[in-house]
């Protein structure tokens, strides 16, 4: 994981000119710059793990929000939600 963090520190912030040349947004350019430093399978695995964990955290936050609002909850566990077959 340390190699991935060191790579992230080396990556420069994308410039507006880079955006204008490529049509990519700053996040996409930044991510491509990070990917250019991936040299080993281990580094790629670390980066994939970081991205997967980020999206898992975002999904958990969203699920917690729906749970708190009562949109999802125990009531759904006892409900039959499948489409009936004819």
C-alpha atoms as a PDB file:
ATOM      1  CA  UNK A   1       0.000   0.000   0.000  1.00  0.00           C
ATOM      2  CA  UNK A   2       2.915   2.339   0.684  1.00  0.00           C
ATOM      3  CA  UNK A   3       3.986   2.205  -2.975  1.00  0.00           C
ATOM      4  CA  UNK A   4       0.542   3.371  -4.055  1.00  0.00           C
ATOM      5  CA  UNK A   5       0.616   6.279  -1.592  1.00  0.00           C
ATOM      6  CA  UNK A   6       4.078   7.303  -2.790  1.00  0.00           C
ATOM      7  CA  UNK A   7       2.853   7.252  -6.399  1.00  0.00           C
ATOM      8  CA  UNK A   8      -0.125   9.413  -5.516  1.00  0.00           C
ATOM      9  CA  UNK A   9       2.185  12.025  -4.015  1.00  0.00           C
ATOM     10  CA  UNK A  10       4.244  12.161  -7.255  1.00  0.00           C
ATOM     11  CA  UNK A  11       1.192  12.790  -9.438  1.00  0.00           C
ATOM     12  CA  UNK A  12       0.684  16.434 -10.322  1.00  0.00           C
ATOM     13  CA  UNK A  13      -2.670  18.145 -10.399  1.00  0.00           C
ATOM     14  CA  UNK A  14      -4.157  18.128 -13.902  1.00  0.00           C
ATOM     15  CA  UNK A  15      -4.077  21.448 -15.685  1.00  0.00           C
ATOM     16  CA  UNK A  16      -6.888  23.159 -17.504  1.00  0.00           C
ATOM     17  CA  UNK A  17      -4.856  22.860 -20.715  1.00  0.00           C
ATOM     18  CA  UNK A  18      -4.793  19.066 -20.312  1.00  0.00           C
ATOM     19  CA  UNK A  19      -8.573  19.096 -20.000  1.00  0.00           C
ATOM     20  CA  UNK A  20      -8.954  21.221 -23.111  1.00  0.00           C
ATOM     21  CA  UNK A  21      -6.630  18.970 -25.154  1.00  0.00           C
ATOM     22  CA  UNK A  22      -8.199  15.677 -24.136  1.00  0.00           C
ATOM     23  CA  UNK A  23     -11.817  16.427 -23.325  1.00  0.00           C
ATOM     24  CA  UNK A  24     -11.385  14.463 -20.093  1.00  0.00           C
ATOM     25  CA  UNK A  25     -12.343  15.994 -16.776  1.00  0.00           C
ATOM     26  CA  UNK A  26      -9.774  16.622 -14.030  1.00  0.00           C
ATOM     27  CA  UNK A  27     -10.635  13.445 -12.137  1.00  0.00           C
ATOM     28  CA  UNK A  28     -10.144  11.309 -15.251  1.00  0.00           C
ATOM     29  CA  UNK A  29      -6.819  12.965 -16.069  1.00  0.00           C
ATOM     30  CA  UNK A  30      -5.645  12.567 -12.480  1.00  0.00           C
ATOM     31  CA  UNK A  31      -6.585   8.889 -12.475  1.00  0.00           C
ATOM     32  CA  UNK A  32      -4.708   8.313 -15.740  1.00  0.00           C
ATOM     33  CA  UNK A  33      -1.641   9.969 -14.248  1.00  0.00           C
ATOM     34  CA  UNK A  34      -1.828   7.616 -11.286  1.00  0.00           C
ATOM     35  CA  UNK A  35      -2.205   4.637 -13.613  1.00  0.00           C
ATOM     36  CA  UNK A  36       0.934   5.654 -15.503  1.00  0.00           C
ATOM     37  CA  UNK A  37       2.946   4.876 -12.346  1.00  0.00           C
ATOM     38  CA  UNK A  38       1.609   1.320 -12.002  1.00  0.00           C
ATOM     39  CA  UNK A  39       4.584  -0.912 -12.759  1.00  0.00           C
ATOM     40  CA  UNK A  40       3.806  -4.144 -10.933  1.00  0.00           C
ATOM     41  CA  UNK A  41       0.882  -6.474 -10.460  1.00  0.00           C
ATOM     42  CA  UNK A  42       1.086  -5.776  -6.730  1.00  0.00           C
ATOM     43  CA  UNK A  43       0.686  -2.037  -7.288  1.00  0.00           C
ATOM     44  CA  UNK A  44      -2.283  -2.648  -9.575  1.00  0.00           C
ATOM     45  CA  UNK A  45      -3.849  -4.940  -6.986  1.00  0.00           C
ATOM     46  CA  UNK A  46      -3.362  -2.257  -4.315  1.00  0.00           C
ATOM     47  CA  UNK A  47      -4.980   0.392  -6.494  1.00  0.00           C
ATOM     48  CA  UNK A  48      -7.921  -1.873  -7.321  1.00  0.00           C
ATOM     49  CA  UNK A  49      -8.383  -2.539  -3.596  1.00  0.00           C
ATOM     50  CA  UNK A  50      -8.385   1.190  -2.832  1.00  0.00           C
ATOM     51  CA  UNK A  51     -10.966   1.920  -5.520  1.00  0.00           C
ATOM     52  CA  UNK A  52     -13.137  -1.035  -4.476  1.00  0.00           C
ATOM     53  CA  UNK A  53     -13.009   0.048  -0.815  1.00  0.00           C
ATOM     54  CA  UNK A  54     -13.909   3.627  -1.759  1.00  0.00           C
ATOM     55  CA  UNK A  55     -17.014   2.520  -3.655  1.00  0.00           C
ATOM     56  CA  UNK A  56     -17.967   0.076  -0.889  1.00  0.00           C
ATOM     57  CA  UNK A  57     -17.827   2.937   1.628  1.00  0.00           C
ATOM     58  CA  UNK A  58     -19.935   5.165  -0.615  1.00  0.00           C
ATOM     59  CA  UNK A  59     -22.513   2.402  -1.043  1.00  0.00           C
ATOM     60  CA  UNK A  60     -22.607   1.783   2.712  1.00  0.00           C
ATOM     61  CA  UNK A  61     -23.184   5.496   3.388  1.00  0.00           C
ATOM     62  CA  UNK A  62     -26.052   5.557   0.902  1.00  0.00           C
ATOM     63  CA  UNK A  63     -27.587   2.390   2.376  1.00  0.00           C
ATOM     64  CA  UNK A  64     -27.292   3.829   5.892  1.00  0.00           C
ATOM     65  CA  UNK A  65     -29.052   6.989   4.714  1.00  0.00           C
ATOM     66  CA  UNK A  66     -31.942   4.993   3.217  1.00  0.00           C
ATOM     67  CA  UNK A  67     -32.135   2.881   6.387  1.00  0.00           C
ATOM     68  CA  UNK A  68     -32.316   6.017   8.571  1.00  0.00           C
ATOM     69  CA  UNK A  69     -35.049   7.450   6.335  1.00  0.00           C
ATOM     70  CA  UNK A  70     -37.041   4.214   6.621  1.00  0.00           C
ATOM     71  CA  UNK A  71     -36.903   3.520   2.882  1.00  0.00           C
ATOM     72  CA  UNK A  72     -35.228   0.202   3.588  1.00  0.00           C
ATOM     73  CA  UNK A  73     -35.296  -1.837   6.759  1.00  0.00           C
ATOM     74  CA  UNK A  74     -36.444  -4.962   8.488  1.00  0.00           C
ATOM     75  CA  UNK A  75     -39.877  -4.639   6.908  1.00  0.00           C
ATOM     76  CA  UNK A  76     -38.329  -5.535   3.536  1.00  0.00           C
ATOM     77  CA  UNK A  77     -36.795  -8.717   4.902  1.00  0.00           C
ATOM     78  CA  UNK A  78     -40.231 -10.242   5.475  1.00  0.00           C
ATOM     79  CA  UNK A  79     -41.742  -8.966   2.248  1.00  0.00           C
ATOM     80  CA  UNK A  80     -41.864 -11.038  -0.933  1.00  0.00           C
ATOM     81  CA  UNK A  81     -40.365  -8.716  -3.567  1.00  0.00           C
ATOM     82  CA  UNK A  82     -40.065 -11.103  -6.507  1.00  0.00           C
ATOM     83  CA  UNK A  83     -42.205 -10.714  -9.576  1.00  0.00           C
ATOM     84  CA  UNK A  84     -44.961 -13.334  -9.529  1.00  0.00           C
ATOM     85  CA  UNK A  85     -44.833 -15.893 -12.336  1.00  0.00           C
ATOM     86  CA  UNK A  86     -47.974 -16.575 -14.320  1.00  0.00           C
END
